[in-house]
Amino acid sequence: MSKHKLSKCAFTVYLPRMASKHFHGSQQKRALELRLRKIIGQLQSVEQMVHDERDCVDVLTQIVSARKGLKSFAEVVIHQHTQECIAGASDPKEGHRKLRELLTVLERYVE
């Protein structure tokens, strides 16, 4: 697992190492990075709001925004994965394997 820290956050995010790399085009990668920076900013804002003892409704409103951002980010990644990795697989067997992997992740995603 790789270890990534969100700057100024009090927690560490662990991400599983994938067996193979997935390459996004430069525009796709830039768009994903911008979305992530916005989400990170929202989470840092939540942390600051808790530190400042802000009103619970304000904190929850910011959490809702961050969740929507994560949902939107996930939808883009899912769409790109289905188009580029599954539909564009080198052979049908590989496509089926990638589809099974996606379905396994999606089962956890909807919980």
C-alpha atoms as a PDB file:
ATOM      1  CA  MET A   1       0.000   0.000   0.000  1.00  0.00           C
ATOM      2  CA  SER A   2       1.165   3.501  -0.683  1.00  0.00           C
ATOM      3  CA  LYS A   3       0.858   6.160   1.959  1.00  0.00           C
ATOM      4  CA  HIS A   4      -0.417   9.612   1.012  1.00  0.00           C
ATOM      5  CA  LYS A   5      -0.888  12.503   3.404  1.00  0.00           C
ATOM      6  CA  LEU A   6      -3.268  15.338   2.754  1.00  0.00           C
ATOM      7  CA  SER A   7      -1.416  18.485   3.729  1.00  0.00           C
ATOM      8  CA  LYS A   8      -2.415  19.922   7.092  1.00  0.00           C
ATOM      9  CA  CYS A   9      -4.798  17.031   7.771  1.00  0.00           C
ATOM     10  CA  ALA A  10      -4.653  14.893  10.881  1.00  0.00           C
ATOM     11  CA  PHE A  11      -5.027  11.557   9.102  1.00  0.00           C
ATOM     12  CA  THR A  12      -3.257   9.414   6.567  1.00  0.00           C
ATOM     13  CA  VAL A  13      -4.925   7.920   3.499  1.00  0.00           C
ATOM     14  CA  TYR A  14      -3.763   4.445   2.452  1.00  0.00           C
ATOM     15  CA  LEU A  15      -4.288   3.467  -1.145  1.00  0.00           C
ATOM     16  CA  PRO A  16      -3.781  -0.050  -2.526  1.00  0.00           C
ATOM     17  CA  ARG A  17      -0.990  -0.489  -5.044  1.00  0.00           C
ATOM     18  CA  MET A  18      -2.293  -1.548  -8.402  1.00  0.00           C
ATOM     19  CA  ALA A  19      -0.503  -4.228 -10.399  1.00  0.00           C
ATOM     20  CA  SER A  20      -0.449  -2.103 -13.546  1.00  0.00           C
ATOM     21  CA  LYS A  21      -0.438   1.612 -14.167  1.00  0.00           C
ATOM     22  CA  HIS A  22      -3.283   3.403 -15.846  1.00  0.00           C
ATOM     23  CA  PHE A  23      -2.304   6.376 -17.940  1.00  0.00           C
ATOM     24  CA  HIS A  24      -4.661   9.288 -18.439  1.00  0.00           C
ATOM     25  CA  GLY A  25      -4.206  11.807 -21.195  1.00  0.00           C
ATOM     26  CA  SER A  26      -2.654  15.062 -20.014  1.00  0.00           C
ATOM     27  CA  GLN A  27      -5.997  16.921 -20.111  1.00  0.00           C
ATOM     28  CA  GLN A  28      -7.794  14.128 -18.245  1.00  0.00           C
ATOM     29  CA  LYS A  29      -5.055  13.954 -15.644  1.00  0.00           C
ATOM     30  CA  ARG A  30      -5.086  17.728 -15.148  1.00  0.00           C
ATOM     31  CA  ALA A  31      -8.884  17.741 -14.745  1.00  0.00           C
ATOM     32  CA  LEU A  32      -8.709  14.921 -12.165  1.00  0.00           C
ATOM     33  CA  GLU A  33      -5.958  16.708 -10.243  1.00  0.00           C
ATOM     34  CA  LEU A  34      -7.987  19.931 -10.156  1.00  0.00           C
ATOM     35  CA  ARG A  35     -11.026  18.068  -8.829  1.00  0.00           C
ATOM     36  CA  LEU A  36      -8.892  16.442  -6.147  1.00  0.00           C
ATOM     37  CA  ARG A  37      -7.389  19.762  -5.070  1.00  0.00           C
ATOM     38  CA  LYS A  38     -10.875  21.192  -4.640  1.00  0.00           C
ATOM     39  CA  ILE A  39     -11.946  18.195  -2.537  1.00  0.00           C
ATOM     40  CA  ILE A  40      -8.781  18.417  -0.437  1.00  0.00           C
ATOM     41  CA  GLY A  41      -9.491  22.115   0.123  1.00  0.00           C
ATOM     42  CA  GLN A  42     -13.013  21.293   1.252  1.00  0.00           C
ATOM     43  CA  LEU A  43     -11.726  18.689   3.712  1.00  0.00           C
ATOM     44  CA  GLN A  44      -9.125  21.099   5.046  1.00  0.00           C
ATOM     45  CA  SER A  45     -11.929  23.602   5.508  1.00  0.00           C
ATOM     46  CA  VAL A  46     -13.900  21.034   7.531  1.00  0.00           C
ATOM     47  CA  GLU A  47     -10.862  20.419   9.706  1.00  0.00           C
ATOM     48  CA  GLN A  48     -10.427  24.166  10.291  1.00  0.00           C
ATOM     49  CA  MET A  49     -14.132  24.578  11.040  1.00  0.00           C
ATOM     50  CA  VAL A  50     -13.942  21.840  13.683  1.00  0.00           C
ATOM     51  CA  HIS A  51     -10.821  23.443  15.145  1.00  0.00           C
ATOM     52  CA  ASP A  52     -12.599  26.825  15.234  1.00  0.00           C
ATOM     53  CA  GLU A  53     -15.668  25.205  16.834  1.00  0.00           C
ATOM     54  CA  ARG A  54     -17.938  26.406  14.054  1.00  0.00           C
ATOM     55  CA  ASP A  55     -21.656  25.653  14.004  1.00  0.00           C
ATOM     56  CA  CYS A  56     -22.487  22.010  13.242  1.00  0.00           C
ATOM     57  CA  VAL A  57     -24.772  22.957  10.349  1.00  0.00           C
ATOM     58  CA  ASP A  58     -21.935  24.880   8.684  1.00  0.00           C
ATOM     59  CA  VAL A  59     -19.581  21.912   9.138  1.00  0.00           C
ATOM     60  CA  LEU A  60     -22.164  19.491   7.753  1.00  0.00           C
ATOM     61  CA  THR A  61     -22.803  21.767   4.774  1.00  0.00           C
ATOM     62  CA  GLN A  62     -19.091  21.667   3.942  1.00  0.00           C
ATOM     63  CA  ILE A  63     -19.066  17.874   4.378  1.00  0.00           C
ATOM     64  CA  VAL A  64     -21.973  17.575   1.926  1.00  0.00           C
ATOM     65  CA  SER A  65     -19.992  19.610  -0.612  1.00  0.00           C
ATOM     66  CA  ALA A  66     -16.940  17.386  -0.177  1.00  0.00           C
ATOM     67  CA  ARG A  67     -19.053  14.226  -0.541  1.00  0.00           C
ATOM     68  CA  LYS A  68     -20.608  15.559  -3.745  1.00  0.00           C
ATOM     69  CA  GLY A  69     -17.132  16.343  -5.039  1.00  0.00           C
ATOM     70  CA  LEU A  70     -15.929  12.825  -4.260  1.00  0.00           C
ATOM     71  CA  LYS A  71     -19.020  11.333  -5.887  1.00  0.00           C
ATOM     72  CA  SER A  72     -18.468  13.385  -9.017  1.00  0.00           C
ATOM     73  CA  PHE A  73     -14.766  12.444  -9.059  1.00  0.00           C
ATOM     74  CA  ALA A  74     -15.641   8.743  -8.729  1.00  0.00           C
ATOM     75  CA  GLU A  75     -18.159   8.984 -11.563  1.00  0.00           C
ATOM     76  CA  VAL A  76     -15.513  10.442 -13.879  1.00  0.00           C
ATOM     77  CA  VAL A  77     -12.995   7.735 -12.931  1.00  0.00           C
ATOM     78  CA  ILE A  78     -15.612   4.996 -13.424  1.00  0.00           C
ATOM     79  CA  HIS A  79     -16.567   6.379 -16.829  1.00  0.00           C
ATOM     80  CA  GLN A  80     -12.938   6.660 -17.940  1.00  0.00           C
ATOM     81  CA  HIS A  81     -12.206   3.157 -16.673  1.00  0.00           C
ATOM     82  CA  THR A  82     -15.127   1.607 -18.532  1.00  0.00           C
ATOM     83  CA  GLN A  83     -14.262   3.403 -21.761  1.00  0.00           C
ATOM     84  CA  GLU A  84     -10.494   3.044 -21.734  1.00  0.00           C
ATOM     85  CA  CYS A  85      -9.708  -0.053 -19.673  1.00  0.00           C
ATOM     86  CA  ILE A  86     -12.695  -2.328 -20.189  1.00  0.00           C
ATOM     87  CA  ALA A  87     -13.964  -1.398 -23.655  1.00  0.00           C
ATOM     88  CA  GLY A  88     -10.410  -0.773 -24.873  1.00  0.00           C
ATOM     89  CA  ALA A  89      -8.919  -3.969 -23.405  1.00  0.00           C
ATOM     90  CA  SER A  90      -6.439  -5.803 -25.605  1.00  0.00           C
ATOM     91  CA  ASP A  91      -8.587  -8.968 -25.633  1.00  0.00           C
ATOM     92  CA  PRO A  92     -12.052 -10.013 -24.369  1.00  0.00           C
ATOM     93  CA  LYS A  93     -10.615 -12.087 -21.519  1.00  0.00           C
ATOM     94  CA  GLU A  94      -8.711  -9.070 -20.196  1.00  0.00           C
ATOM     95  CA  GLY A  95     -11.848  -6.938 -20.573  1.00  0.00           C
ATOM     96  CA  HIS A  96     -13.871  -9.418 -18.522  1.00  0.00           C
ATOM     97  CA  ARG A  97     -11.205  -9.481 -15.803  1.00  0.00           C
ATOM     98  CA  LYS A  98     -11.195  -5.685 -15.608  1.00  0.00           C
ATOM     99  CA  LEU A  99     -14.999  -5.657 -15.497  1.00  0.00           C
ATOM    100  CA  ARG A 100     -15.009  -8.116 -12.564  1.00  0.00           C
ATOM    101  CA  GLU A 101     -12.490  -5.909 -10.741  1.00  0.00           C
ATOM    102  CA  LEU A 102     -14.674  -2.851 -11.311  1.00  0.00           C
ATOM    103  CA  LEU A 103     -17.804  -4.654 -10.122  1.00  0.00           C
ATOM    104  CA  THR A 104     -16.010  -5.721  -6.932  1.00  0.00           C
ATOM    105  CA  VAL A 105     -15.037  -2.117  -6.211  1.00  0.00           C
ATOM    106  CA  LEU A 106     -18.509  -0.826  -7.081  1.00  0.00           C
ATOM    107  CA  GLU A 107     -20.080  -3.242  -4.598  1.00  0.00           C
ATOM    108  CA  ARG A 108     -18.056  -1.543  -1.864  1.00  0.00           C
ATOM    109  CA  TYR A 109     -18.741   1.909  -3.356  1.00  0.00           C
ATOM    110  CA  VAL A 110     -22.512   1.604  -3.000  1.00  0.00           C
ATOM    111  CA  GLU A 111     -22.448   0.333   0.593  1.00  0.00           C
END
